[in-house]
Amino acid sequence: MIKFFNTALYPLYLFPLALFTLIFSGCSTLPSKETQLLITQTPQQRIAKLAQLQQWQITGKIAFLAQNSRKSATLSWQVDEKKGTQQLNLTSYFGINVLQLESYNNQHKIRVDGKTYHGNNLAALILNITGLSLPTKALSYWLKGIPYQENDSISYHKITQLPQTLSSHYNNELWLVSYSNYQHINGYNLATKFSIKKEDLLIKISVNHWSVTGQ
């Protein structure tokens, strides 16, 4: 197994590897300033609008917290659902590129430690290379605060009507996503802090910048 996540959670670094040695506080309640993001959309209208958001990019930090390990990195992730492409880069605290992913029409190429890997099952590819179990397909939905599957359950803030938590059974595992620190970006209210948890893994993401294009 390639050990590209073997740094002890630098002060702020990891999936995108610094997505977090943040190990941010990931509150599940919305800060008071977020109550100012009053909107006229119902949750159903919000889901319908965000389902149309197919071209976006985030930069920030990510951290993976497992039973006996903590790993973090800086993150850059660009997705174009219309073209079926994505690019993901994870960089160490020292600016070293530790993982580079390129996808096109469900064909994936990952570069790690100077080696290149190919496959059409991204979750299995990442698991084999890094040992990390990630909800790869669902994550692009969850980051927007919309369900990946019809039976996903979302709880909403009573004032803003923005998602606070989302629960989903993905690959026969229960995942819980918590949202906070919403920002209004080009007509969308999008969270910038995420806590994504299953029984033996906690992923924390802190977004420094959202970019939405091609709408």
N, C-alpha and C. Protein backbone atom coordinates (compact mmCIF):
# COMPACT_ATOMS: atom_id res chain seq x y z
N MET A 1 0.85 -1.21 0.00
CA MET A 1 0.00 0.00 0.00
C MET A 1 0.88 1.24 0.00
N ILE A 2 0.57 2.18 -0.81
CA ILE A 2 1.36 3.40 -0.92
C ILE A 2 1.05 4.32 0.26
N LYS A 3 2.07 4.78 0.92
CA LYS A 3 1.87 5.58 2.13
C LYS A 3 2.04 7.06 1.83
N PHE A 4 1.07 7.65 1.17
CA PHE A 4 1.21 9.07 0.91
C PHE A 4 0.47 9.88 1.93
N PHE A 5 -0.18 9.23 2.90
CA PHE A 5 -0.90 9.95 3.93
C PHE A 5 -0.27 9.67 5.29
N ASN A 6 1.03 9.57 5.36
CA ASN A 6 1.63 9.11 6.60
C ASN A 6 2.20 10.24 7.44
N THR A 7 1.81 11.45 7.19
CA THR A 7 2.26 12.55 8.02
C THR A 7 1.31 12.73 9.17
N ALA A 8 1.82 13.04 10.31
CA ALA A 8 0.98 13.13 11.49
C ALA A 8 0.23 14.43 11.53
N LEU A 9 -0.76 14.53 10.76
CA LEU A 9 -1.64 15.70 10.71
C LEU A 9 -0.92 16.98 11.02
N TYR A 10 -0.19 17.48 10.05
CA TYR A 10 0.51 18.73 10.27
C TYR A 10 -0.47 19.76 10.67
N PRO A 11 0.04 20.83 11.27
CA PRO A 11 -0.87 21.91 11.61
C PRO A 11 -1.54 22.30 10.34
N LEU A 12 -2.63 21.69 10.08
CA LEU A 12 -3.43 22.05 8.93
C LEU A 12 -2.98 21.37 7.67
N TYR A 13 -3.20 20.18 7.42
CA TYR A 13 -2.88 19.65 6.09
C TYR A 13 -3.67 18.43 5.64
N LEU A 14 -4.27 17.77 4.99
CA LEU A 14 -4.56 16.44 4.47
C LEU A 14 -5.70 16.11 3.54
N PHE A 15 -6.66 15.72 3.18
CA PHE A 15 -7.25 15.18 1.94
C PHE A 15 -7.83 16.27 1.22
N PRO A 16 -7.37 16.49 0.76
CA PRO A 16 -6.39 17.28 0.22
C PRO A 16 -5.59 17.65 1.32
N LEU A 17 -5.60 16.63 2.09
CA LEU A 17 -4.60 16.44 3.05
C LEU A 17 -4.33 17.60 3.87
N ALA A 18 -4.62 18.57 3.64
CA ALA A 18 -4.54 19.64 4.54
C ALA A 18 -5.91 20.12 4.61
N LEU A 19 -6.75 19.54 3.88
CA LEU A 19 -8.15 19.87 4.01
C LEU A 19 -8.30 19.76 5.42
N PHE A 20 -6.96 19.61 5.88
CA PHE A 20 -7.21 19.60 7.23
C PHE A 20 -6.27 19.11 8.25
N THR A 21 -5.28 19.36 8.56
CA THR A 21 -4.82 19.23 9.88
C THR A 21 -5.45 20.39 10.44
N LEU A 22 -6.32 20.68 9.88
CA LEU A 22 -7.17 21.62 10.47
C LEU A 22 -7.67 20.93 11.62
N ILE A 23 -8.20 19.95 11.43
CA ILE A 23 -9.08 19.30 12.32
C ILE A 23 -9.89 20.36 12.90
N PHE A 24 -10.66 20.81 12.05
CA PHE A 24 -11.48 21.94 12.42
C PHE A 24 -12.49 21.51 13.40
N SER A 25 -13.11 22.41 13.93
CA SER A 25 -14.14 22.17 14.92
C SER A 25 -15.38 21.75 14.25
N GLY A 26 -15.83 21.53 13.29
CA GLY A 26 -17.01 21.18 12.60
C GLY A 26 -18.26 21.21 13.40
N CYS A 27 -18.76 22.40 13.76
CA CYS A 27 -20.01 22.50 14.49
C CYS A 27 -21.15 22.03 13.64
N SER A 28 -22.16 21.49 14.25
CA SER A 28 -23.32 21.06 13.49
C SER A 28 -24.41 22.12 13.53
N THR A 29 -24.21 23.14 14.34
CA THR A 29 -25.20 24.21 14.39
C THR A 29 -24.68 25.39 13.60
N LEU A 30 -25.58 26.18 13.04
CA LEU A 30 -25.18 27.28 12.19
C LEU A 30 -24.79 28.49 13.03
N PRO A 31 -23.70 29.16 12.67
CA PRO A 31 -23.34 30.38 13.39
C PRO A 31 -24.44 31.40 13.26
N SER A 32 -24.48 32.34 14.20
CA SER A 32 -25.57 33.31 14.21
C SER A 32 -25.64 34.11 12.93
N LYS A 33 -24.47 34.41 12.32
CA LYS A 33 -24.49 35.20 11.09
C LYS A 33 -25.22 34.47 9.98
N GLU A 34 -25.28 33.14 10.04
CA GLU A 34 -25.93 32.39 8.99
C GLU A 34 -27.45 32.53 9.04
N THR A 35 -27.95 32.94 10.19
CA THR A 35 -29.39 33.14 10.25
C THR A 35 -29.80 34.33 9.40
N GLN A 36 -28.82 35.11 8.94
CA GLN A 36 -29.11 36.23 8.06
C GLN A 36 -29.30 35.79 6.61
N LEU A 37 -28.98 34.54 6.30
CA LEU A 37 -29.12 34.04 4.94
C LEU A 37 -30.55 33.59 4.69
N LEU A 38 -31.49 34.46 4.95
CA LEU A 38 -32.89 34.12 4.76
C LEU A 38 -33.17 33.96 3.27
N ILE A 39 -33.89 32.92 2.92
CA ILE A 39 -34.18 32.65 1.53
C ILE A 39 -35.65 32.32 1.38
N THR A 40 -36.13 32.44 0.16
CA THR A 40 -37.53 32.15 -0.10
C THR A 40 -37.74 30.74 -0.63
N GLN A 41 -36.63 30.05 -0.89
CA GLN A 41 -36.74 28.69 -1.41
C GLN A 41 -37.20 27.71 -0.34
N THR A 42 -38.01 26.76 -0.75
CA THR A 42 -38.27 25.60 0.08
C THR A 42 -37.09 24.64 -0.08
N PRO A 43 -36.92 23.68 0.84
CA PRO A 43 -35.86 22.69 0.65
C PRO A 43 -35.95 21.98 -0.70
N GLN A 44 -37.17 21.70 -1.15
CA GLN A 44 -37.34 21.02 -2.43
C GLN A 44 -36.88 21.90 -3.59
N GLN A 45 -37.18 23.20 -3.51
CA GLN A 45 -36.73 24.11 -4.55
C GLN A 45 -35.22 24.25 -4.56
N ARG A 46 -34.63 24.26 -3.36
CA ARG A 46 -33.17 24.35 -3.27
C ARG A 46 -32.51 23.13 -3.90
N ILE A 47 -33.03 21.95 -3.60
CA ILE A 47 -32.47 20.72 -4.16
C ILE A 47 -32.57 20.75 -5.69
N ALA A 48 -33.73 21.19 -6.19
CA ALA A 48 -33.92 21.23 -7.64
C ALA A 48 -32.94 22.19 -8.31
N LYS A 49 -32.70 23.34 -7.68
CA LYS A 49 -31.77 24.32 -8.27
C LYS A 49 -30.34 23.80 -8.23
N LEU A 50 -29.94 23.24 -7.09
CA LEU A 50 -28.56 22.77 -6.97
C LEU A 50 -28.29 21.54 -7.81
N ALA A 51 -29.34 20.80 -8.14
CA ALA A 51 -29.16 19.66 -9.04
C ALA A 51 -28.71 20.13 -10.43
N GLN A 52 -29.00 21.40 -10.74
CA GLN A 52 -28.58 21.97 -12.02
C GLN A 52 -27.14 22.47 -11.99
N LEU A 53 -26.56 22.57 -10.79
CA LEU A 53 -25.19 23.05 -10.65
C LEU A 53 -24.23 21.90 -10.98
N GLN A 54 -23.70 21.91 -12.18
CA GLN A 54 -22.89 20.79 -12.65
C GLN A 54 -21.43 21.15 -12.90
N GLN A 55 -21.10 22.41 -12.79
CA GLN A 55 -19.70 22.83 -12.99
C GLN A 55 -19.27 23.66 -11.80
N TRP A 56 -18.36 23.14 -11.02
CA TRP A 56 -17.95 23.83 -9.80
C TRP A 56 -16.53 23.42 -9.41
N GLN A 57 -15.97 24.22 -8.52
CA GLN A 57 -14.62 23.96 -8.03
C GLN A 57 -14.52 24.42 -6.58
N ILE A 58 -13.81 23.66 -5.77
CA ILE A 58 -13.52 24.08 -4.41
C ILE A 58 -12.02 23.98 -4.16
N THR A 59 -11.52 24.87 -3.31
CA THR A 59 -10.16 24.78 -2.80
C THR A 59 -10.25 24.91 -1.28
N GLY A 60 -9.37 24.23 -0.58
CA GLY A 60 -9.41 24.29 0.87
C GLY A 60 -8.51 23.25 1.49
N LYS A 61 -9.01 22.63 2.55
CA LYS A 61 -8.21 21.66 3.29
C LYS A 61 -9.08 20.46 3.66
N ILE A 62 -8.42 19.33 3.82
CA ILE A 62 -9.14 18.11 4.18
C ILE A 62 -8.33 17.31 5.19
N ALA A 63 -9.04 16.62 6.07
CA ALA A 63 -8.38 15.78 7.07
C ALA A 63 -9.13 14.47 7.19
N PHE A 64 -8.37 13.41 7.35
CA PHE A 64 -8.93 12.07 7.56
C PHE A 64 -8.54 11.60 8.96
N LEU A 65 -9.52 11.32 9.76
CA LEU A 65 -9.27 10.88 11.13
C LEU A 65 -9.83 9.48 11.29
N ALA A 66 -8.92 8.52 11.40
CA ALA A 66 -9.31 7.13 11.61
C ALA A 66 -8.90 6.71 13.01
N GLN A 67 -9.13 5.46 13.33
CA GLN A 67 -8.90 5.00 14.69
C GLN A 67 -7.48 5.25 15.17
N ASN A 68 -6.51 4.96 14.32
CA ASN A 68 -5.11 5.09 14.75
C ASN A 68 -4.30 6.02 13.86
N SER A 69 -4.96 6.87 13.11
CA SER A 69 -4.21 7.74 12.21
C SER A 69 -4.94 9.05 11.99
N ARG A 70 -4.16 10.07 11.71
CA ARG A 70 -4.67 11.38 11.35
C ARG A 70 -3.88 11.88 10.15
N LYS A 71 -4.58 12.23 9.09
CA LYS A 71 -3.91 12.64 7.87
C LYS A 71 -4.59 13.87 7.30
N SER A 72 -3.80 14.79 6.76
CA SER A 72 -4.41 16.02 6.26
C SER A 72 -3.69 16.51 5.02
N ALA A 73 -4.37 17.43 4.27
CA ALA A 73 -3.78 17.96 3.05
C ALA A 73 -4.56 19.17 2.58
N THR A 74 -3.96 19.89 1.66
CA THR A 74 -4.70 20.95 0.98
C THR A 74 -5.42 20.33 -0.21
N LEU A 75 -6.52 20.96 -0.59
CA LEU A 75 -7.41 20.34 -1.57
C LEU A 75 -7.78 21.30 -2.69
N SER A 76 -7.76 20.78 -3.90
CA SER A 76 -8.31 21.48 -5.06
C SER A 76 -9.10 20.45 -5.85
N TRP A 77 -10.39 20.71 -6.04
CA TRP A 77 -11.26 19.72 -6.71
C TRP A 77 -12.15 20.45 -7.69
N GLN A 78 -12.04 20.10 -8.96
CA GLN A 78 -12.83 20.71 -10.02
C GLN A 78 -13.67 19.64 -10.69
N VAL A 79 -14.97 19.90 -10.81
CA VAL A 79 -15.91 18.91 -11.36
C VAL A 79 -16.71 19.55 -12.48
N ASP A 80 -16.83 18.83 -13.59
CA ASP A 80 -17.71 19.22 -14.69
C ASP A 80 -18.59 18.02 -15.01
N GLU A 81 -19.78 18.01 -14.42
CA GLU A 81 -20.68 16.87 -14.60
C GLU A 81 -21.20 16.80 -16.03
N LYS A 82 -21.28 17.92 -16.71
CA LYS A 82 -21.75 17.92 -18.10
C LYS A 82 -20.80 17.15 -19.00
N LYS A 83 -19.51 17.36 -18.81
CA LYS A 83 -18.50 16.70 -19.64
C LYS A 83 -18.04 15.37 -19.04
N GLY A 84 -18.45 15.09 -17.80
CA GLY A 84 -18.03 13.86 -17.15
C GLY A 84 -16.57 13.88 -16.75
N THR A 85 -16.08 15.06 -16.36
CA THR A 85 -14.67 15.18 -15.99
C THR A 85 -14.52 15.70 -14.56
N GLN A 86 -13.38 15.38 -13.96
CA GLN A 86 -13.02 15.96 -12.68
C GLN A 86 -11.51 15.92 -12.53
N GLN A 87 -11.00 16.86 -11.75
CA GLN A 87 -9.59 16.92 -11.41
C GLN A 87 -9.48 17.18 -9.91
N LEU A 88 -8.71 16.35 -9.25
CA LEU A 88 -8.53 16.48 -7.80
C LEU A 88 -7.04 16.45 -7.49
N ASN A 89 -6.59 17.44 -6.73
CA ASN A 89 -5.19 17.49 -6.32
C ASN A 89 -5.11 17.63 -4.81
N LEU A 90 -4.31 16.79 -4.19
CA LEU A 90 -4.03 16.87 -2.76
C LEU A 90 -2.55 17.21 -2.58
N THR A 91 -2.31 18.19 -1.76
CA THR A 91 -0.95 18.70 -1.60
C THR A 91 -0.57 18.73 -0.13
N SER A 92 0.65 18.40 0.15
CA SER A 92 1.11 18.38 1.54
C SER A 92 1.28 19.79 2.08
N TYR A 93 1.50 19.86 3.38
CA TYR A 93 1.71 21.13 4.06
C TYR A 93 2.93 21.86 3.49
N PHE A 94 3.85 21.09 2.93
CA PHE A 94 5.07 21.67 2.38
C PHE A 94 4.97 21.94 0.89
N GLY A 95 3.77 21.83 0.33
CA GLY A 95 3.56 22.13 -1.07
C GLY A 95 3.88 21.01 -2.02
N ILE A 96 4.07 19.80 -1.51
CA ILE A 96 4.38 18.64 -2.35
C ILE A 96 3.08 17.98 -2.79
N ASN A 97 2.94 17.74 -4.09
CA ASN A 97 1.74 17.08 -4.60
C ASN A 97 1.78 15.61 -4.24
N VAL A 98 0.81 15.15 -3.45
CA VAL A 98 0.82 13.77 -2.98
C VAL A 98 -0.19 12.90 -3.71
N LEU A 99 -1.18 13.51 -4.33
CA LEU A 99 -2.15 12.74 -5.10
C LEU A 99 -2.75 13.63 -6.17
N GLN A 100 -2.84 13.08 -7.37
CA GLN A 100 -3.44 13.81 -8.48
C GLN A 100 -4.40 12.86 -9.20
N LEU A 101 -5.65 13.28 -9.29
CA LEU A 101 -6.69 12.47 -9.92
C LEU A 101 -7.24 13.20 -11.14
N GLU A 102 -7.38 12.46 -12.24
CA GLU A 102 -8.07 12.96 -13.42
C GLU A 102 -9.08 11.91 -13.86
N SER A 103 -10.31 12.37 -14.12
CA SER A 103 -11.37 11.45 -14.53
C SER A 103 -12.04 11.96 -15.78
N TYR A 104 -12.39 11.01 -16.65
CA TYR A 104 -13.16 11.34 -17.85
C TYR A 104 -14.07 10.17 -18.19
N ASN A 105 -15.39 10.44 -18.17
CA ASN A 105 -16.38 9.40 -18.50
C ASN A 105 -16.14 8.11 -17.72
N ASN A 106 -15.96 8.28 -16.42
CA ASN A 106 -15.81 7.15 -15.50
C ASN A 106 -14.53 6.35 -15.70
N GLN A 107 -13.56 6.93 -16.38
CA GLN A 107 -12.22 6.35 -16.45
C GLN A 107 -11.31 7.24 -15.62
N HIS A 108 -10.62 6.63 -14.66
CA HIS A 108 -9.89 7.41 -13.66
C HIS A 108 -8.39 7.11 -13.72
N LYS A 109 -7.60 8.17 -13.56
CA LYS A 109 -6.15 8.06 -13.50
C LYS A 109 -5.66 8.76 -12.25
N ILE A 110 -4.92 8.05 -11.43
CA ILE A 110 -4.39 8.60 -10.19
C ILE A 110 -2.88 8.50 -10.20
N ARG A 111 -2.22 9.61 -9.88
CA ARG A 111 -0.76 9.62 -9.75
C ARG A 111 -0.40 9.79 -8.29
N VAL A 112 0.41 8.88 -7.78
CA VAL A 112 0.86 8.91 -6.39
C VAL A 112 2.30 8.40 -6.34
N ASP A 113 3.15 9.11 -5.64
CA ASP A 113 4.54 8.67 -5.46
C ASP A 113 5.22 8.34 -6.78
N GLY A 114 4.93 9.13 -7.82
CA GLY A 114 5.58 8.91 -9.10
C GLY A 114 5.01 7.76 -9.91
N LYS A 115 3.98 7.11 -9.41
CA LYS A 115 3.37 5.99 -10.12
C LYS A 115 1.96 6.38 -10.56
N THR A 116 1.49 5.77 -11.65
CA THR A 116 0.18 6.07 -12.21
C THR A 116 -0.68 4.81 -12.18
N TYR A 117 -1.93 4.99 -11.75
CA TYR A 117 -2.89 3.90 -11.64
C TYR A 117 -4.14 4.26 -12.43
N HIS A 118 -4.74 3.23 -13.06
CA HIS A 118 -5.94 3.44 -13.86
C HIS A 118 -7.04 2.51 -13.38
N GLY A 119 -8.30 2.94 -13.57
CA GLY A 119 -9.43 2.09 -13.23
C GLY A 119 -10.74 2.78 -13.53
N ASN A 120 -11.83 1.99 -13.55
CA ASN A 120 -13.16 2.57 -13.77
C ASN A 120 -14.02 2.55 -12.52
N ASN A 121 -13.44 2.11 -11.40
CA ASN A 121 -14.13 2.14 -10.11
C ASN A 121 -13.29 3.00 -9.17
N LEU A 122 -13.68 4.27 -9.03
CA LEU A 122 -12.83 5.21 -8.31
C LEU A 122 -12.70 4.85 -6.84
N ALA A 123 -13.80 4.46 -6.21
CA ALA A 123 -13.74 4.12 -4.79
C ALA A 123 -12.78 2.96 -4.54
N ALA A 124 -12.86 1.92 -5.39
CA ALA A 124 -11.97 0.76 -5.24
C ALA A 124 -10.52 1.14 -5.53
N LEU A 125 -10.33 2.02 -6.51
CA LEU A 125 -8.98 2.45 -6.86
C LEU A 125 -8.33 3.19 -5.70
N ILE A 126 -9.07 4.12 -5.10
CA ILE A 126 -8.55 4.87 -3.95
C ILE A 126 -8.29 3.95 -2.77
N LEU A 127 -9.20 3.01 -2.54
CA LEU A 127 -9.01 2.07 -1.44
C LEU A 127 -7.75 1.24 -1.62
N ASN A 128 -7.52 0.75 -2.82
CA ASN A 128 -6.34 -0.08 -3.08
C ASN A 128 -5.05 0.70 -2.94
N ILE A 129 -5.08 1.98 -3.33
CA ILE A 129 -3.85 2.78 -3.31
C ILE A 129 -3.57 3.36 -1.93
N THR A 130 -4.63 3.85 -1.27
CA THR A 130 -4.44 4.60 -0.02
C THR A 130 -4.93 3.88 1.23
N GLY A 131 -5.79 2.88 1.05
CA GLY A 131 -6.39 2.23 2.20
C GLY A 131 -7.57 2.98 2.77
N LEU A 132 -7.99 4.07 2.10
CA LEU A 132 -9.10 4.89 2.57
C LEU A 132 -10.39 4.50 1.87
N SER A 133 -11.45 4.36 2.67
CA SER A 133 -12.78 4.08 2.12
C SER A 133 -13.52 5.40 1.98
N LEU A 134 -13.79 5.81 0.73
CA LEU A 134 -14.39 7.11 0.49
C LEU A 134 -15.67 7.00 -0.34
N PRO A 135 -16.68 7.78 0.01
CA PRO A 135 -17.94 7.77 -0.76
C PRO A 135 -17.82 8.67 -1.99
N THR A 136 -17.00 8.25 -2.95
CA THR A 136 -16.59 9.14 -4.02
C THR A 136 -17.74 9.67 -4.86
N LYS A 137 -18.66 8.81 -5.27
CA LYS A 137 -19.77 9.26 -6.11
C LYS A 137 -20.71 10.18 -5.34
N ALA A 138 -20.98 9.82 -4.10
CA ALA A 138 -21.94 10.58 -3.31
C ALA A 138 -21.40 11.94 -2.88
N LEU A 139 -20.08 12.05 -2.75
CA LEU A 139 -19.51 13.25 -2.15
C LEU A 139 -19.81 14.51 -2.96
N SER A 140 -19.86 14.40 -4.28
CA SER A 140 -20.13 15.58 -5.10
C SER A 140 -21.56 16.08 -4.90
N TYR A 141 -22.46 15.21 -4.48
CA TYR A 141 -23.82 15.62 -4.12
C TYR A 141 -23.85 16.18 -2.71
N TRP A 142 -23.23 15.47 -1.79
CA TRP A 142 -23.28 15.87 -0.38
C TRP A 142 -22.66 17.24 -0.16
N LEU A 143 -21.59 17.57 -0.89
CA LEU A 143 -20.96 18.87 -0.72
C LEU A 143 -21.90 20.01 -1.10
N LYS A 144 -22.82 19.75 -2.00
CA LYS A 144 -23.81 20.76 -2.38
C LYS A 144 -25.01 20.75 -1.44
N GLY A 145 -25.05 19.79 -0.52
CA GLY A 145 -26.16 19.71 0.42
C GLY A 145 -27.42 19.13 -0.19
N ILE A 146 -27.25 18.23 -1.15
CA ILE A 146 -28.40 17.58 -1.78
C ILE A 146 -28.22 16.07 -1.68
N PRO A 147 -29.31 15.32 -1.70
CA PRO A 147 -29.21 13.87 -1.53
C PRO A 147 -28.61 13.18 -2.75
N TYR A 148 -27.85 12.13 -2.50
CA TYR A 148 -27.33 11.29 -3.57
C TYR A 148 -28.35 10.23 -3.96
N GLN A 149 -29.10 9.74 -2.95
CA GLN A 149 -30.12 8.73 -3.17
C GLN A 149 -31.45 9.24 -2.61
N GLU A 150 -32.54 8.71 -3.14
CA GLU A 150 -33.86 9.17 -2.73
C GLU A 150 -34.11 8.99 -1.24
N ASN A 151 -33.52 7.96 -0.66
CA ASN A 151 -33.78 7.70 0.76
C ASN A 151 -32.79 8.40 1.69
N ASP A 152 -31.92 9.27 1.15
CA ASP A 152 -31.08 10.08 2.03
C ASP A 152 -31.98 11.00 2.86
N SER A 153 -31.60 11.23 4.10
CA SER A 153 -32.41 12.05 5.01
C SER A 153 -31.65 13.33 5.35
N ILE A 154 -32.32 14.49 5.20
CA ILE A 154 -31.70 15.79 5.47
C ILE A 154 -32.49 16.53 6.54
N SER A 155 -31.79 17.09 7.52
CA SER A 155 -32.43 17.98 8.49
C SER A 155 -32.05 19.42 8.15
N TYR A 156 -33.01 20.36 8.36
CA TYR A 156 -32.81 21.74 7.93
C TYR A 156 -32.89 22.71 9.11
N HIS A 157 -32.13 23.80 9.01
CA HIS A 157 -32.22 24.87 9.99
C HIS A 157 -33.62 25.49 9.92
N LYS A 158 -34.23 25.71 11.05
CA LYS A 158 -35.63 26.14 11.05
C LYS A 158 -35.82 27.54 10.49
N ILE A 159 -34.78 28.38 10.51
CA ILE A 159 -34.93 29.74 10.00
C ILE A 159 -34.45 29.85 8.55
N THR A 160 -33.23 29.40 8.28
CA THR A 160 -32.67 29.56 6.94
C THR A 160 -33.14 28.50 5.96
N GLN A 161 -33.62 27.38 6.50
CA GLN A 161 -34.00 26.24 5.67
C GLN A 161 -32.81 25.68 4.88
N LEU A 162 -31.60 25.85 5.43
CA LEU A 162 -30.41 25.26 4.86
C LEU A 162 -30.06 23.97 5.59
N PRO A 163 -29.46 23.00 4.88
CA PRO A 163 -29.15 21.71 5.51
C PRO A 163 -28.22 21.85 6.71
N GLN A 164 -28.54 21.10 7.76
CA GLN A 164 -27.65 20.98 8.92
C GLN A 164 -26.97 19.61 8.94
N THR A 165 -27.74 18.56 8.64
CA THR A 165 -27.18 17.21 8.59
C THR A 165 -27.81 16.44 7.45
N LEU A 166 -27.07 15.48 6.96
CA LEU A 166 -27.57 14.55 5.94
C LEU A 166 -27.10 13.16 6.32
N SER A 167 -27.98 12.20 6.29
CA SER A 167 -27.59 10.81 6.56
C SER A 167 -27.91 9.96 5.34
N SER A 168 -27.03 9.01 5.07
CA SER A 168 -27.16 8.21 3.86
C SER A 168 -26.52 6.84 4.05
N HIS A 169 -27.16 5.82 3.52
CA HIS A 169 -26.53 4.50 3.45
C HIS A 169 -25.87 4.38 2.08
N TYR A 170 -24.54 4.33 2.10
CA TYR A 170 -23.76 4.29 0.87
C TYR A 170 -22.82 3.09 0.95
N ASN A 171 -22.89 2.20 -0.04
CA ASN A 171 -22.10 0.97 -0.03
C ASN A 171 -22.29 0.19 1.27
N ASN A 172 -23.56 0.13 1.68
CA ASN A 172 -23.94 -0.64 2.88
C ASN A 172 -23.34 -0.09 4.17
N GLU A 173 -22.95 1.18 4.16
CA GLU A 173 -22.44 1.84 5.36
C GLU A 173 -23.23 3.11 5.61
N LEU A 174 -23.44 3.44 6.87
CA LEU A 174 -24.17 4.65 7.23
C LEU A 174 -23.20 5.81 7.36
N TRP A 175 -23.47 6.87 6.59
CA TRP A 175 -22.65 8.08 6.62
C TRP A 175 -23.49 9.23 7.15
N LEU A 176 -22.88 10.09 7.95
CA LEU A 176 -23.54 11.28 8.47
C LEU A 176 -22.71 12.50 8.08
N VAL A 177 -23.35 13.45 7.39
CA VAL A 177 -22.69 14.68 6.96
C VAL A 177 -23.26 15.84 7.75
N SER A 178 -22.40 16.68 8.33
CA SER A 178 -22.83 17.88 9.05
C SER A 178 -22.30 19.11 8.31
N TYR A 179 -23.12 20.18 8.28
CA TYR A 179 -22.80 21.38 7.50
C TYR A 179 -22.75 22.60 8.42
N SER A 180 -21.87 23.54 8.08
CA SER A 180 -21.87 24.82 8.78
C SER A 180 -21.15 25.86 7.94
N ASN A 181 -21.21 27.13 8.39
CA ASN A 181 -20.54 28.26 7.74
C ASN A 181 -20.98 28.43 6.28
N TYR A 182 -22.26 28.67 6.08
CA TYR A 182 -22.76 28.89 4.72
C TYR A 182 -22.34 30.25 4.18
N GLN A 183 -22.14 30.28 2.85
CA GLN A 183 -21.86 31.53 2.14
C GLN A 183 -22.77 31.60 0.91
N HIS A 184 -23.14 32.84 0.55
CA HIS A 184 -23.96 33.05 -0.64
C HIS A 184 -23.03 33.26 -1.83
N ILE A 185 -23.07 32.32 -2.79
CA ILE A 185 -22.13 32.32 -3.90
C ILE A 185 -22.89 32.20 -5.21
N ASN A 186 -22.91 33.29 -5.98
CA ASN A 186 -23.54 33.31 -7.30
C ASN A 186 -24.95 32.73 -7.30
N GLY A 187 -25.73 33.12 -6.30
CA GLY A 187 -27.11 32.68 -6.25
C GLY A 187 -27.34 31.38 -5.50
N TYR A 188 -26.28 30.79 -4.97
CA TYR A 188 -26.39 29.54 -4.22
C TYR A 188 -25.89 29.76 -2.79
N ASN A 189 -26.56 29.17 -1.82
CA ASN A 189 -26.05 29.14 -0.45
C ASN A 189 -25.34 27.81 -0.26
N LEU A 190 -24.02 27.87 -0.09
CA LEU A 190 -23.20 26.66 -0.02
C LEU A 190 -22.39 26.66 1.27
N ALA A 191 -22.29 25.51 1.88
CA ALA A 191 -21.53 25.37 3.12
C ALA A 191 -20.03 25.40 2.82
N THR A 192 -19.25 25.81 3.81
CA THR A 192 -17.80 25.80 3.66
C THR A 192 -17.10 24.91 4.68
N LYS A 193 -17.87 24.33 5.60
CA LYS A 193 -17.29 23.37 6.55
C LYS A 193 -18.17 22.12 6.59
N PHE A 194 -17.49 20.98 6.49
CA PHE A 194 -18.19 19.71 6.42
C PHE A 194 -17.54 18.71 7.38
N SER A 195 -18.37 17.92 8.02
CA SER A 195 -17.92 16.79 8.81
C SER A 195 -18.63 15.57 8.26
N ILE A 196 -17.87 14.61 7.72
CA ILE A 196 -18.42 13.45 7.02
C ILE A 196 -17.96 12.21 7.77
N LYS A 197 -18.91 11.49 8.36
CA LYS A 197 -18.54 10.45 9.32
C LYS A 197 -19.23 9.14 9.05
N LYS A 198 -18.46 8.08 9.17
CA LYS A 198 -19.03 6.75 9.31
C LYS A 198 -18.39 6.14 10.55
N GLU A 199 -18.69 4.91 10.83
CA GLU A 199 -18.32 4.33 12.13
C GLU A 199 -16.83 4.47 12.44
N ASP A 200 -15.95 4.18 11.49
CA ASP A 200 -14.52 4.15 11.79
C ASP A 200 -13.71 5.23 11.08
N LEU A 201 -14.39 6.22 10.52
CA LEU A 201 -13.68 7.25 9.77
C LEU A 201 -14.40 8.58 9.88
N LEU A 202 -13.65 9.65 10.11
CA LEU A 202 -14.18 11.01 10.09
C LEU A 202 -13.37 11.82 9.09
N ILE A 203 -14.07 12.43 8.14
CA ILE A 203 -13.44 13.30 7.15
C ILE A 203 -13.90 14.72 7.43
N LYS A 204 -12.96 15.64 7.55
CA LYS A 204 -13.31 17.04 7.76
C LYS A 204 -12.80 17.86 6.58
N ILE A 205 -13.67 18.70 6.07
CA ILE A 205 -13.32 19.53 4.92
C ILE A 205 -13.62 20.98 5.26
N SER A 206 -12.65 21.84 4.96
CA SER A 206 -12.84 23.27 5.12
C SER A 206 -12.58 23.93 3.77
N VAL A 207 -13.60 24.58 3.22
CA VAL A 207 -13.48 25.18 1.89
C VAL A 207 -13.09 26.65 2.03
N ASN A 208 -12.00 27.02 1.41
CA ASN A 208 -11.59 28.42 1.38
C ASN A 208 -12.30 29.19 0.27
N HIS A 209 -12.58 28.47 -0.82
CA HIS A 209 -13.18 29.16 -1.97
C HIS A 209 -14.04 28.20 -2.78
N TRP A 210 -15.29 28.61 -3.02
CA TRP A 210 -16.19 27.94 -3.95
C TRP A 210 -16.19 28.73 -5.26
N SER A 211 -16.19 28.03 -6.38
CA SER A 211 -16.37 28.67 -7.69
C SER A 211 -17.41 27.88 -8.46
N VAL A 212 -18.45 28.56 -8.95
CA VAL A 212 -19.47 27.91 -9.76
C VAL A 212 -19.48 28.58 -11.12
N THR A 213 -19.46 27.77 -12.18
CA THR A 213 -19.34 28.33 -13.52
C THR A 213 -20.29 27.61 -14.47
N GLY A 214 -20.47 28.21 -15.63
CA GLY A 214 -21.23 27.58 -16.69
C GLY A 214 -22.69 27.41 -16.41
N GLN A 215 -23.25 28.26 -15.52
CA GLN A 215 -24.66 28.12 -15.17
C GLN A 215 -25.52 28.94 -16.11
